Protein backbone atom coordinates (compact mmCIF):
# COMPACT_ATOMS: atom_id res chain seq x y z
CA MET A 1 -12.90 -19.94 -29.33
CA ASN A 2 -11.77 -16.83 -27.47
CA ILE A 3 -13.47 -17.32 -24.11
CA GLN A 4 -12.84 -13.68 -23.17
CA ALA A 5 -15.09 -12.56 -26.05
CA THR A 6 -18.11 -14.47 -24.73
CA GLU A 7 -21.02 -13.14 -22.71
CA LEU A 8 -20.34 -15.88 -20.18
CA TYR A 9 -16.87 -14.54 -19.50
CA GLY A 10 -18.25 -11.01 -19.29
CA ARG A 11 -20.77 -11.99 -16.62
CA ILE A 12 -18.22 -13.86 -14.52
CA ARG A 13 -15.63 -11.11 -14.94
CA ALA A 14 -18.13 -8.46 -13.84
CA GLU A 15 -18.91 -10.48 -10.72
CA ILE A 16 -15.20 -10.87 -9.97
CA GLU A 17 -14.63 -7.15 -10.43
CA ASP A 18 -16.92 -6.49 -7.47
CA ILE A 19 -15.02 -8.82 -5.10
CA SER A 20 -12.87 -6.95 -2.59
CA LEU A 21 -9.79 -9.14 -2.53
CA ILE A 22 -7.94 -10.68 0.36
CA ASP A 23 -4.37 -10.44 -0.87
CA THR A 24 -2.46 -13.27 0.81
CA HIS A 25 1.07 -11.92 0.39
CA GLU A 26 2.79 -8.54 -0.07
CA HIS A 27 6.13 -6.92 0.78
CA LEU A 28 4.93 -3.35 0.19
CA MET A 29 6.81 -0.65 2.04
CA SER A 30 4.78 1.78 4.09
CA GLU A 31 3.60 4.87 2.29
CA GLY A 32 5.69 6.96 4.67
CA THR A 33 8.85 5.07 3.76
CA ARG A 34 8.07 5.52 0.06
CA LEU A 35 7.51 9.25 0.56
CA ASP A 36 11.07 9.54 1.88
CA GLN A 37 12.48 8.26 -1.42
CA ARG A 38 13.10 9.85 -4.80
CA ILE A 39 11.40 7.64 -7.34
CA ASP A 40 11.20 7.55 -11.11
CA LEU A 41 10.67 4.93 -13.83
CA PHE A 42 13.53 2.75 -12.64
CA TYR A 43 12.00 2.43 -9.20
CA TRP A 44 9.83 -0.18 -10.93
CA PHE A 45 12.95 -2.16 -11.74
CA SER A 46 13.82 -2.78 -8.12
CA HIS A 47 11.80 -6.00 -8.03
CA TYR A 48 11.02 -8.98 -10.28
CA ALA A 49 11.51 -7.28 -13.67
CA SER A 50 15.07 -6.61 -12.54
CA SER A 51 15.70 -10.37 -12.45
CA ASP A 52 14.64 -10.65 -16.08
CA LEU A 53 17.05 -7.85 -16.99
CA VAL A 54 19.93 -9.76 -15.42
CA SER A 55 18.79 -13.03 -16.99
CA ALA A 56 18.77 -11.31 -20.40
CA GLY A 57 22.36 -10.13 -19.97
CA MET A 58 22.44 -6.93 -17.94
CA SER A 59 25.20 -6.81 -15.31
CA GLU A 60 24.33 -6.39 -11.66
CA ARG A 61 26.39 -3.20 -11.62
CA THR A 62 24.45 -1.70 -14.52
CA LEU A 63 21.19 -2.65 -12.85
CA GLU A 64 22.26 -0.89 -9.67
CA GLU A 65 23.27 2.20 -11.62
CA LEU A 66 19.87 2.33 -13.33
CA ARG A 67 18.29 3.01 -9.96
CA ASP A 68 20.49 6.05 -9.21
CA PRO A 69 18.17 9.07 -9.52
CA ASP A 70 21.18 11.40 -9.68
CA ARG A 71 22.17 10.03 -13.09
CA PRO A 72 20.49 11.62 -16.13
CA LEU A 73 17.38 9.69 -17.08
CA SER A 74 18.38 9.63 -20.75
CA GLU A 75 21.69 7.90 -19.95
CA ARG A 76 19.93 5.26 -17.94
CA TRP A 77 17.32 4.71 -20.65
CA ALA A 78 20.04 4.22 -23.27
CA GLU A 79 21.55 1.41 -21.17
CA PHE A 80 18.16 -0.05 -20.37
CA ALA A 81 16.31 0.03 -23.70
CA PRO A 82 18.16 -2.82 -25.51
CA ILE A 83 17.53 -5.24 -22.63
CA TRP A 84 13.97 -4.03 -22.11
CA ARG A 85 13.18 -5.09 -25.68
CA GLU A 86 14.09 -8.66 -24.66
CA THR A 87 12.20 -8.71 -21.34
CA ARG A 88 9.01 -6.75 -21.99
CA THR A 89 7.28 -9.96 -23.13
CA THR A 90 7.64 -11.79 -19.79
CA GLY A 91 4.90 -11.78 -17.19
CA TYR A 92 6.93 -9.28 -15.17
CA GLY A 93 7.18 -7.00 -18.18
CA ARG A 94 3.48 -7.30 -18.95
CA ALA A 95 2.62 -6.28 -15.39
CA LEU A 96 4.59 -3.04 -15.73
CA LEU A 97 3.01 -2.24 -19.08
CA LEU A 98 -0.40 -2.80 -17.51
CA ALA A 99 0.42 -0.50 -14.59
CA ALA A 100 1.67 2.21 -16.96
CA ARG A 101 -1.50 2.01 -19.04
CA ASP A 102 -4.07 1.84 -16.25
CA LEU A 103 -2.56 4.08 -13.59
CA PHE A 104 -0.75 6.67 -15.71
CA ASP A 105 -2.48 6.58 -19.12
CA ILE A 106 0.75 5.60 -20.87
CA ASP A 107 0.11 2.91 -23.49
CA ASP A 108 3.68 1.63 -23.77
CA ILE A 109 7.13 1.98 -22.21
CA ASN A 110 9.35 3.09 -25.06
CA GLU A 111 11.60 5.86 -26.37
CA SER A 112 8.67 8.22 -26.83
CA THR A 113 6.99 7.63 -23.48
CA TYR A 114 9.64 6.91 -20.88
CA ARG A 115 10.16 10.53 -19.81
CA GLY A 116 6.47 11.23 -19.37
CA LEU A 117 5.93 7.97 -17.49
CA SER A 118 8.91 8.64 -15.25
CA ASP A 119 7.58 12.12 -14.42
CA LYS A 120 4.16 10.71 -13.58
CA ILE A 121 5.64 8.00 -11.35
CA GLY A 122 7.62 10.66 -9.50
CA ALA A 123 4.55 12.87 -9.15
CA SER A 124 2.58 9.96 -7.68
CA ASN A 125 4.79 9.95 -4.60
CA HIS A 126 2.34 11.78 -2.37
CA SER A 127 0.11 11.01 0.57
CA GLY A 128 -3.05 9.21 -0.51
CA TRP A 129 -1.51 7.22 -3.36
CA TYR A 130 -1.91 3.95 -1.47
CA GLU A 131 -5.58 4.70 -0.84
CA TYR A 132 -6.06 5.36 -4.54
CA VAL A 133 -4.14 2.36 -5.83
CA LEU A 134 -4.95 -0.32 -3.24
CA LYS A 135 -8.53 0.61 -2.43
CA GLU A 136 -10.03 2.54 -5.34
CA ARG A 137 -8.24 0.86 -8.24
CA SER A 138 -7.19 -2.57 -6.96
CA ASN A 139 -10.24 -3.14 -4.72
CA ILE A 140 -8.10 -4.94 -2.15
CA ALA A 141 -9.85 -5.21 1.20
CA LEU A 142 -6.72 -6.28 3.06
CA ALA A 143 -3.23 -7.48 2.20
CA ILE A 144 -1.25 -9.92 4.34
CA LEU A 145 2.09 -8.14 4.74
CA ASP A 146 5.47 -9.82 5.13
CA PRO A 147 7.51 -6.79 6.21
CA LEU A 148 11.19 -6.85 5.29
CA GLU A 149 13.08 -4.97 8.00
CA ASP A 150 16.12 -4.21 5.85
CA PHE A 151 13.84 -2.68 3.25
CA ASP A 152 11.31 -0.92 5.48
CA PRO A 153 11.97 -0.37 9.20
CA THR A 154 8.36 0.46 10.07
CA PRO A 155 7.57 -1.24 13.42
CA LEU A 156 4.79 -3.83 13.44
CA GLU A 157 2.68 -1.61 15.67
CA GLU A 158 2.80 1.27 13.15
CA ILE A 159 1.77 -0.69 10.05
CA LYS A 160 -1.42 0.81 8.63
CA ARG A 161 -4.13 -1.73 9.35
CA ARG A 162 -6.48 -0.15 6.82
CA PHE A 163 -4.25 -1.67 4.15
CA PHE A 164 -2.24 -4.43 5.81
CA ALA A 165 -2.28 -7.27 8.33
CA PRO A 166 1.34 -8.23 9.14
CA VAL A 167 2.97 -11.59 9.74
CA ILE A 168 6.14 -12.28 11.72
CA ARG A 169 9.12 -13.64 9.78
CA VAL A 170 11.02 -16.18 11.86
CA ASP A 171 13.94 -17.17 9.60
CA ASP A 172 16.61 -15.53 11.76
CA PHE A 173 15.58 -17.61 14.75
CA VAL A 174 15.90 -20.88 12.84
CA VAL A 175 19.20 -20.55 10.98
CA PRO A 176 21.90 -19.08 13.28
CA CYS A 177 25.33 -20.46 12.39
CA ASN A 178 27.70 -18.39 14.53
CA ARG A 179 28.04 -16.07 17.50
CA VAL A 180 27.55 -12.90 15.40
CA GLU A 181 24.11 -14.11 14.33
CA LEU A 182 23.24 -14.93 17.92
CA ARG A 183 24.28 -11.43 18.95
CA ALA A 184 21.95 -10.01 16.33
CA LEU A 185 19.10 -12.00 17.83
CA GLU A 186 20.02 -10.72 21.27
CA GLY A 187 19.66 -7.18 19.98
CA ARG A 188 16.31 -7.98 18.43
CA VAL A 189 14.72 -9.40 21.58
CA GLY A 190 16.77 -7.75 24.33
CA LEU A 191 17.99 -11.00 25.90
CA SER A 192 21.39 -12.62 26.33
CA ILE A 193 21.68 -15.95 24.51
CA HIS A 194 24.19 -18.34 26.05
CA SER A 195 22.33 -21.64 25.74
CA LEU A 196 19.74 -23.37 23.63
CA ASP A 197 17.17 -22.63 26.33
CA ASP A 198 18.05 -18.95 26.05
CA LEU A 199 17.52 -19.14 22.30
CA LEU A 200 14.13 -20.77 22.82
CA LYS A 201 13.25 -17.99 25.24
CA ALA A 202 14.17 -15.49 22.53
CA VAL A 203 11.76 -17.25 20.17
CA ASP A 204 9.07 -17.01 22.86
CA VAL A 205 9.68 -13.29 23.31
CA ALA A 206 9.51 -12.68 19.56
CA PHE A 207 6.18 -14.50 19.36
CA GLU A 208 4.77 -12.72 22.42
CA ARG A 209 5.64 -9.31 20.99
CA ALA A 210 4.29 -10.20 17.57
CA VAL A 211 1.00 -11.46 19.00
CA ALA A 212 0.71 -8.29 21.09
CA ALA A 213 1.13 -6.35 17.83
CA ASP A 214 -1.74 -8.33 16.28
CA VAL A 215 0.19 -10.25 13.66
CA ILE A 216 -1.97 -12.53 11.57
CA GLY A 217 0.49 -15.35 10.89
CA VAL A 218 4.06 -16.62 10.63
CA LYS A 219 6.22 -16.44 7.50
CA VAL A 220 9.04 -18.87 6.67
CA GLY A 221 11.36 -18.02 3.77
CA LEU A 222 14.07 -20.56 4.51
CA ALA A 223 14.06 -22.13 1.04
CA TYR A 224 16.37 -19.30 -0.03
CA SER A 225 19.11 -20.64 2.25
CA ARG A 226 18.48 -24.36 2.78
CA PRO A 227 16.19 -27.27 1.79
CA LEU A 228 12.71 -27.33 3.29
CA ALA A 229 13.18 -30.78 4.81
CA PHE A 230 13.10 -30.36 8.61
CA GLU A 231 13.80 -33.60 10.42
CA LYS A 232 12.65 -34.31 13.94
CA VAL A 233 15.71 -33.84 16.19
CA ALA A 234 16.21 -34.54 19.88
CA LYS A 235 16.88 -31.48 22.01
CA ALA A 236 20.19 -32.93 23.20
CA ASP A 237 21.44 -33.16 19.61
CA ALA A 238 20.36 -29.60 18.91
CA GLU A 239 22.07 -28.43 22.09
CA ARG A 240 25.38 -29.99 21.04
CA VAL A 241 25.25 -27.99 17.81
CA PHE A 242 24.39 -24.80 19.67
CA ASN A 243 27.33 -25.25 22.02
CA GLN A 244 29.60 -25.73 19.02
CA LEU A 245 28.42 -22.77 16.96
CA SER A 246 28.38 -20.36 19.90
CA ARG A 247 32.18 -20.77 20.19
CA TYR A 248 32.77 -18.92 16.93
CA PRO A 249 32.59 -15.14 16.74
CA SER A 250 31.84 -15.02 13.01
CA ALA A 251 31.21 -17.10 9.93
CA PHE A 252 34.96 -17.06 9.31
CA GLY A 253 36.03 -18.83 12.46
CA ASP A 254 37.54 -17.68 15.73
CA VAL A 255 40.98 -16.26 16.45
CA THR A 256 42.55 -19.73 16.48
CA GLN A 257 41.38 -20.19 12.86
CA GLN A 258 39.22 -23.17 13.67
CA PRO A 259 36.65 -23.73 10.91
CA PRO A 260 33.16 -22.27 11.43
CA VAL A 261 30.09 -24.43 11.79
CA SER A 262 29.06 -25.61 8.33
CA TRP A 263 25.46 -25.77 7.20
CA GLU A 264 25.56 -29.56 7.44
CA GLU A 265 26.72 -29.29 11.05
CA ALA A 266 24.14 -26.62 11.86
CA LYS A 267 21.22 -28.50 10.28
CA PRO A 268 20.14 -30.50 13.39
CA LEU A 269 19.82 -27.28 15.36
CA GLN A 270 17.94 -25.56 12.55
CA ASP A 271 15.60 -28.50 12.14
CA TYR A 272 14.89 -28.56 15.86
CA LEU A 273 14.20 -24.81 15.91
CA MET A 274 11.82 -25.04 12.96
CA HIS A 275 9.77 -27.60 14.84
CA GLN A 276 9.73 -25.27 17.84
CA VAL A 277 8.46 -22.43 15.63
CA VAL A 278 5.64 -24.61 14.32
CA ARG A 279 4.66 -25.57 17.85
CA ARG A 280 4.50 -21.93 18.90
CA ALA A 281 2.43 -21.05 15.86
CA ILE A 282 0.00 -23.77 16.92
CA GLU A 283 -0.05 -22.45 20.49
CA TYR A 284 -0.94 -18.93 19.30
CA HIS A 285 -3.35 -20.17 16.59
CA LEU A 286 -1.27 -18.55 13.85
CA PRO A 287 -1.18 -20.00 10.33
CA ILE A 288 2.24 -20.60 8.79
CA GLN A 289 3.11 -19.24 5.35
CA ILE A 290 6.01 -21.07 3.68
CA HIS A 291 7.89 -20.04 0.56
CA THR A 292 8.08 -22.90 -1.92
CA GLY A 293 9.11 -23.04 -5.56
CA LEU A 294 10.76 -20.28 -7.58
CA GLN A 295 13.04 -17.93 -5.65
CA ALA A 296 13.29 -14.23 -6.41
CA GLY A 297 16.53 -13.02 -7.94
CA ASN A 298 18.96 -14.95 -10.08
CA GLY A 299 21.01 -18.12 -9.71
CA ASN A 300 19.23 -19.72 -6.76
CA PHE A 301 19.07 -23.39 -5.74
CA LEU A 302 15.54 -24.28 -6.78
CA ALA A 303 15.61 -27.84 -5.44
CA ASN A 304 15.70 -26.39 -1.91
CA SER A 305 12.10 -25.28 -2.32
CA ASN A 306 10.41 -28.45 -3.55
CA PRO A 307 7.18 -28.50 -1.52
CA LEU A 308 7.37 -32.27 -1.06
CA HIS A 309 10.20 -31.62 1.43
CA LEU A 310 7.47 -30.45 3.82
CA VAL A 311 5.61 -33.74 4.09
CA ASN A 312 7.08 -34.64 7.46
CA LEU A 313 5.89 -31.33 8.97
CA LEU A 314 2.43 -31.84 7.50
CA VAL A 315 2.30 -35.33 9.00
CA GLU A 316 3.76 -34.33 12.36
CA TYR A 317 1.52 -31.30 12.99
CA PRO A 318 -2.05 -31.93 11.78
CA GLU A 319 -3.26 -29.16 14.08
CA ALA A 320 -1.11 -26.56 12.29
CA ARG A 321 -2.35 -24.66 9.22
CA PHE A 322 0.12 -24.22 6.36
CA ASP A 323 -0.26 -21.71 3.53
CA LEU A 324 2.08 -23.07 0.83
CA PHE A 325 3.24 -20.29 -1.46
CA HIS A 326 3.76 -19.68 -5.16
CA ALA A 327 2.10 -22.91 -6.31
CA GLY A 328 5.48 -24.49 -5.65
CA TYR A 329 6.27 -23.44 -9.25
CA PRO A 330 7.60 -25.35 -11.16
CA TYR A 331 6.38 -28.11 -8.82
CA GLN A 332 2.72 -27.10 -9.04
CA GLY A 333 1.51 -30.67 -9.63
CA ARG A 334 3.33 -31.82 -6.52
CA MET A 335 1.77 -28.94 -4.64
CA ALA A 336 -1.66 -30.17 -5.75
CA THR A 337 -0.98 -33.55 -4.17
CA LEU A 338 -0.25 -31.87 -0.84
CA GLY A 339 -3.44 -29.83 -0.95
CA LYS A 340 -5.42 -32.92 -1.91
CA ASN A 341 -3.94 -35.29 0.68
CA PHE A 342 -3.32 -33.16 3.76
CA PRO A 343 -6.14 -31.31 5.58
CA ASN A 344 -3.63 -28.80 6.96
CA ALA A 345 -2.06 -27.89 3.57
CA TYR A 346 -3.55 -24.93 1.69
CA VAL A 347 -2.28 -23.98 -1.77
CA ASP A 348 -1.56 -20.41 -2.84
CA LEU A 349 -1.11 -18.79 -6.28
CA CYS A 350 0.58 -15.70 -4.84
CA TRP A 351 3.22 -14.33 -7.26
CA VAL A 352 2.32 -16.85 -9.99
CA HIS A 353 0.10 -14.70 -12.25
CA VAL A 354 3.08 -12.45 -13.02
CA ILE A 355 5.57 -15.30 -13.26
CA SER A 356 3.45 -16.74 -16.07
CA PRO A 357 -0.23 -15.96 -16.64
CA TRP A 358 -0.55 -19.19 -18.63
CA VAL A 359 0.97 -21.30 -15.84
CA ALA A 360 -1.37 -19.63 -13.33
CA ARG A 361 -4.38 -20.57 -15.45
CA GLN A 362 -3.24 -24.14 -16.05
CA THR A 363 -2.48 -24.56 -12.35
CA LEU A 364 -5.86 -23.21 -11.31
CA HIS A 365 -7.56 -25.58 -13.76
CA GLU A 366 -5.71 -28.49 -12.16
CA TRP A 367 -6.33 -27.36 -8.61
CA ILE A 368 -10.06 -26.91 -9.13
CA GLU A 369 -10.17 -30.54 -10.23
CA THR A 370 -7.93 -31.91 -7.47
CA VAL A 371 -7.97 -29.73 -4.34
CA PRO A 372 -11.07 -29.04 -2.19
CA ALA A 373 -12.46 -25.62 -3.06
CA ASN A 374 -12.00 -24.17 0.42
CA LYS A 375 -8.22 -24.70 0.31
CA ILE A 376 -7.21 -22.61 -2.72
CA PHE A 377 -5.99 -19.00 -2.51
CA ALA A 378 -5.97 -17.36 -5.95
CA PHE A 379 -4.18 -14.06 -5.35
CA GLY A 380 -1.22 -12.60 -3.52
CA GLY A 381 0.55 -9.65 -5.15
CA ASP A 382 4.02 -10.21 -3.64
CA TYR A 383 5.45 -6.84 -4.73
CA ILE A 384 7.52 -4.20 -2.97
CA PHE A 385 5.96 -1.32 -4.96
CA VAL A 386 2.26 -0.64 -4.99
CA GLU A 387 1.81 -0.29 -8.76
CA GLY A 388 3.00 -3.88 -9.15
CA ALA A 389 0.37 -5.08 -6.68
CA TYR A 390 -2.28 -3.28 -8.74
CA ALA A 391 -1.17 -4.86 -12.02
CA HIS A 392 -0.98 -8.30 -10.44
CA SER A 393 -4.50 -7.97 -9.06
CA ARG A 394 -5.82 -7.19 -12.54
CA MET A 395 -4.02 -10.15 -14.04
CA ALA A 396 -5.33 -12.44 -11.29
CA ARG A 397 -8.95 -11.32 -11.75
CA ASP A 398 -8.67 -11.87 -15.50
CA ASN A 399 -7.12 -15.31 -15.05
CA VAL A 400 -9.68 -16.50 -12.52
CA ALA A 401 -12.53 -15.29 -14.72
CA ARG A 402 -11.06 -17.00 -17.76
CA VAL A 403 -10.53 -20.33 -15.99
CA LEU A 404 -14.00 -20.34 -14.47
CA ALA A 405 -15.63 -19.43 -17.78
CA GLU A 406 -13.76 -22.28 -19.45
CA LYS A 407 -14.92 -24.65 -16.72
CA VAL A 408 -18.53 -23.60 -17.36
CA GLU A 409 -18.12 -23.75 -21.14
CA THR A 410 -16.90 -27.35 -20.96
CA GLY A 411 -19.68 -28.34 -18.58
CA TYR A 412 -17.41 -29.01 -15.59
CA LEU A 413 -19.11 -26.29 -13.51
CA ALA A 414 -22.51 -24.64 -13.59
CA GLU A 415 -22.35 -20.87 -13.87
CA ASP A 416 -23.65 -20.31 -10.35
CA GLU A 417 -21.01 -22.74 -9.07
CA ALA A 418 -18.32 -20.77 -10.87
CA VAL A 419 -19.48 -17.47 -9.38
CA GLY A 420 -19.54 -18.94 -5.88
CA LEU A 421 -16.10 -20.42 -6.41
CA ALA A 422 -14.73 -17.03 -7.50
CA HIS A 423 -15.70 -15.54 -4.13
CA LYS A 424 -14.01 -18.43 -2.33
CA LEU A 425 -10.80 -18.26 -4.36
CA LEU A 426 -10.34 -14.51 -4.14
CA ARG A 427 -11.72 -13.67 -0.71
CA GLU A 428 -13.66 -16.07 1.45
CA ASN A 429 -11.08 -18.84 1.78
CA ALA A 430 -8.34 -16.47 2.88
CA ALA A 431 -10.67 -14.53 5.19
CA ARG A 432 -11.63 -17.77 6.94
CA PHE A 433 -8.07 -19.11 7.06
CA PHE A 434 -6.64 -15.91 8.56
CA ARG A 435 -9.77 -15.21 10.65
CA ILE A 436 -10.40 -11.86 8.97
CA PRO A 437 -13.93 -10.53 9.67
CA VAL A 438 -14.80 -8.99 6.30
CA THR A 439 -17.79 -9.01 3.97
CA SER A 440 -17.88 -9.71 0.26
CA SER A 441 -18.18 -6.80 -2.14
CA ARG A 442 -16.69 -3.43 -3.13
CA SER A 443 -19.84 -1.66 -1.99
CA SER A 444 -19.38 -2.89 1.57
CA GLN A 445 -15.62 -2.30 1.70
CA ARG A 446 -15.90 1.31 2.91
CA GLU A 447 -17.59 0.10 6.09
CA GLU A 448 -15.04 -2.60 6.90
CA THR A 449 -12.62 -2.18 9.77
CA PRO A 450 -10.31 -5.23 9.56
């Protein structure tokens, strides 16, 4: 039976349509930063779908050249089209097709439509586009923003709070391996760093400034560079590592050609610093978002991001609150065990609906049956361009409605239970977790001032 053709699905989907989402994770640039750019169709291939292009055989150089707006669009399409035929069927590809259809009235991305779509994308680069896409079309009450400084230099204080609530990313404070990286931290906080105590003071300053700027949480993306296992380390052991690494001016060693500090040598310091970050998050009552599972891009070390590496932190800090990202995909069953066993572990489907809509549905089915209902977050867009966030929100609403309708159809849930659960999964759980004072429906969204 096609559950989406049933009246039951229609009722649940209509209820879900009215929910103003709390989006647990985005990287969206500010609208002002976007306005400073020249954008066209290949702006959409700056994130996620670009990884599929490379996986299907496109070179990194060709991918970079696709994004050059000074090159004729027809030349770029000719290079792109053969690989697009192989990647349009992935979740990333489906998201772009959905955005083209819904936001620009273009039913497909092909030889006949690419010019018109590209023109419309370029014409959308005007003030008010974020209001239209995020509020009117996506019905997102508020998105938790992980700002990437290299991508968008907008200061925390200038982030538009109508759309976003920012978090502070702390990776740079945890993983220094040489003097150059310490100097960069000095520039960030305005302090000299000559000792481990100085480095801890820099962490304090970063947190104080972030809290003054009303950040809503802490983000840890360290799985891209190291395993998520953070052992408990004595300060004296961490200090010995600091004293060693601070001797070297760069990752390539000092003038006497002594070898730099390796990751293995730096690990005790990094582990110690991660524990210090968690303690400061507890002190400031900030939840901690941690990347687990699949890593963006190509050729990463997936085993680094197994969520089970985090068990010692969950045990050590019961007073902390951890938002564990991306369902840990492909470790989503292991993620379920964390959400089920640890009161401080919350499980998040951010990114997953566009990785694989089917996996998102299967995971949500499992989580509903294993994890307490107040600990599941069903949507985080995780895009750098706003049209992607829109498409992801549509896919997430559809998936949640489909799963809940199936749960009712099989007798696992009553229909009123399913409707109540939809509000928890898409809004209420995240609002409570991040202490966001918002109400429930689209009709009330215009009056909210998060």
